[in-house]
Amino acid sequence: MLHKIKDLHGDALHAEDGEVSSVDDLYFDDEEWDVRYLVVNTRRWIPGPKYLVPPIAIDRDQPLLGGDIRVELTREQIRR
């Protein structure tokens, strides 16, 4: 499925144990035409750094309403 990057910006990211952050940007491989990482902003949870979440972690079996994204990671796994 194709999505515009600007449509993903600001979508909430939900881990297995609660909301973590929002999508701030994407790292894109222009040779393979593939998204390598979601750059997530954790201001509400951990002020300061941004974290990288691989798209393979996205839970496609249980999508959320409103464009939010659920990942098959815990908050601690994202933090590490």
Protein backbone atom coordinates (compact mmCIF):
# COMPACT_ATOMS: atom_id res chain seq x y z
CA MET A 1 0.00 0.00 0.00
CA LEU A 2 1.32 3.46 -0.85
CA HIS A 3 1.17 6.39 1.56
CA LYS A 4 2.43 9.93 1.30
CA ILE A 5 5.14 10.69 3.85
CA LYS A 6 3.39 13.88 4.90
CA ASP A 7 0.28 11.82 5.76
CA LEU A 8 2.30 9.76 8.28
CA HIS A 9 3.85 12.79 9.97
CA GLY A 10 2.31 13.28 13.40
CA ASP A 11 0.52 9.91 13.53
CA ALA A 12 0.62 8.41 17.02
CA LEU A 13 2.82 5.37 17.54
CA HIS A 14 1.46 2.75 19.96
CA ALA A 15 3.67 0.07 21.51
CA GLU A 16 2.32 -3.13 23.04
CA ASP A 17 2.19 -1.41 26.44
CA GLY A 18 0.90 2.05 25.53
CA GLU A 19 1.33 5.13 23.36
CA VAL A 20 4.94 6.07 22.81
CA SER A 21 5.27 8.96 20.46
CA SER A 22 4.46 10.32 17.06
CA VAL A 23 6.04 9.83 13.65
CA ASP A 24 8.41 12.71 12.95
CA ASP A 25 10.14 11.58 9.76
CA LEU A 26 11.23 8.57 7.70
CA TYR A 27 14.60 7.28 6.59
CA PHE A 28 14.16 6.24 2.99
CA ASP A 29 16.48 4.10 0.86
CA ASP A 30 16.33 5.76 -2.53
CA GLU A 31 18.14 2.91 -4.30
CA GLU A 32 15.81 0.15 -3.08
CA TRP A 33 12.73 2.40 -2.83
CA ASP A 34 12.08 1.25 0.70
CA VAL A 35 11.46 2.84 4.08
CA ARG A 36 14.27 1.83 6.43
CA TYR A 37 13.11 3.48 9.67
CA LEU A 38 10.35 5.56 11.17
CA VAL A 39 11.86 8.44 13.13
CA VAL A 40 9.73 8.81 16.25
CA ASN A 41 9.56 11.78 18.56
CA THR A 42 9.10 10.74 22.20
CA ARG A 43 8.56 14.20 23.68
CA ARG A 44 5.57 13.09 25.73
CA TRP A 45 7.34 10.06 27.12
CA ILE A 46 11.13 10.70 27.09
CA PRO A 47 12.08 14.32 26.43
CA GLY A 48 15.07 14.74 24.19
CA PRO A 49 16.19 12.14 21.68
CA LYS A 50 14.36 10.71 18.72
CA TYR A 51 14.31 6.97 18.13
CA LEU A 52 14.34 4.75 15.05
CA VAL A 53 11.70 2.06 14.61
CA PRO A 54 12.04 -0.42 11.74
CA PRO A 55 8.91 -0.80 9.59
CA ILE A 56 9.03 -4.58 10.09
CA ALA A 57 7.80 -3.90 13.64
CA ILE A 58 4.50 -2.43 12.41
CA ASP A 59 1.56 -4.62 13.41
CA ARG A 60 -0.40 -4.96 10.19
CA ASP A 61 -2.87 -7.47 11.65
CA GLN A 62 -4.40 -5.01 14.13
CA PRO A 63 -4.45 -1.56 12.56
CA LEU A 64 -5.66 1.38 14.64
CA LEU A 65 -8.32 3.86 13.63
CA GLY A 66 -7.46 7.35 12.50
CA GLY A 67 -4.13 6.51 10.91
CA ASP A 68 -2.31 5.74 14.17
CA ILE A 69 0.34 3.02 14.00
CA ARG A 70 0.69 0.01 16.30
CA VAL A 71 4.09 -1.69 16.60
CA GLU A 72 4.98 -5.10 17.97
CA LEU A 73 7.52 -3.65 20.39
CA THR A 74 7.34 -2.58 24.01
CA ARG A 75 8.20 0.93 25.16
CA GLU A 76 11.42 -0.40 26.69
CA GLN A 77 12.46 -2.04 23.40
CA ILE A 78 11.96 1.26 21.58
CA ARG A 79 13.95 3.12 24.22
CA ARG A 80 16.91 0.74 23.80
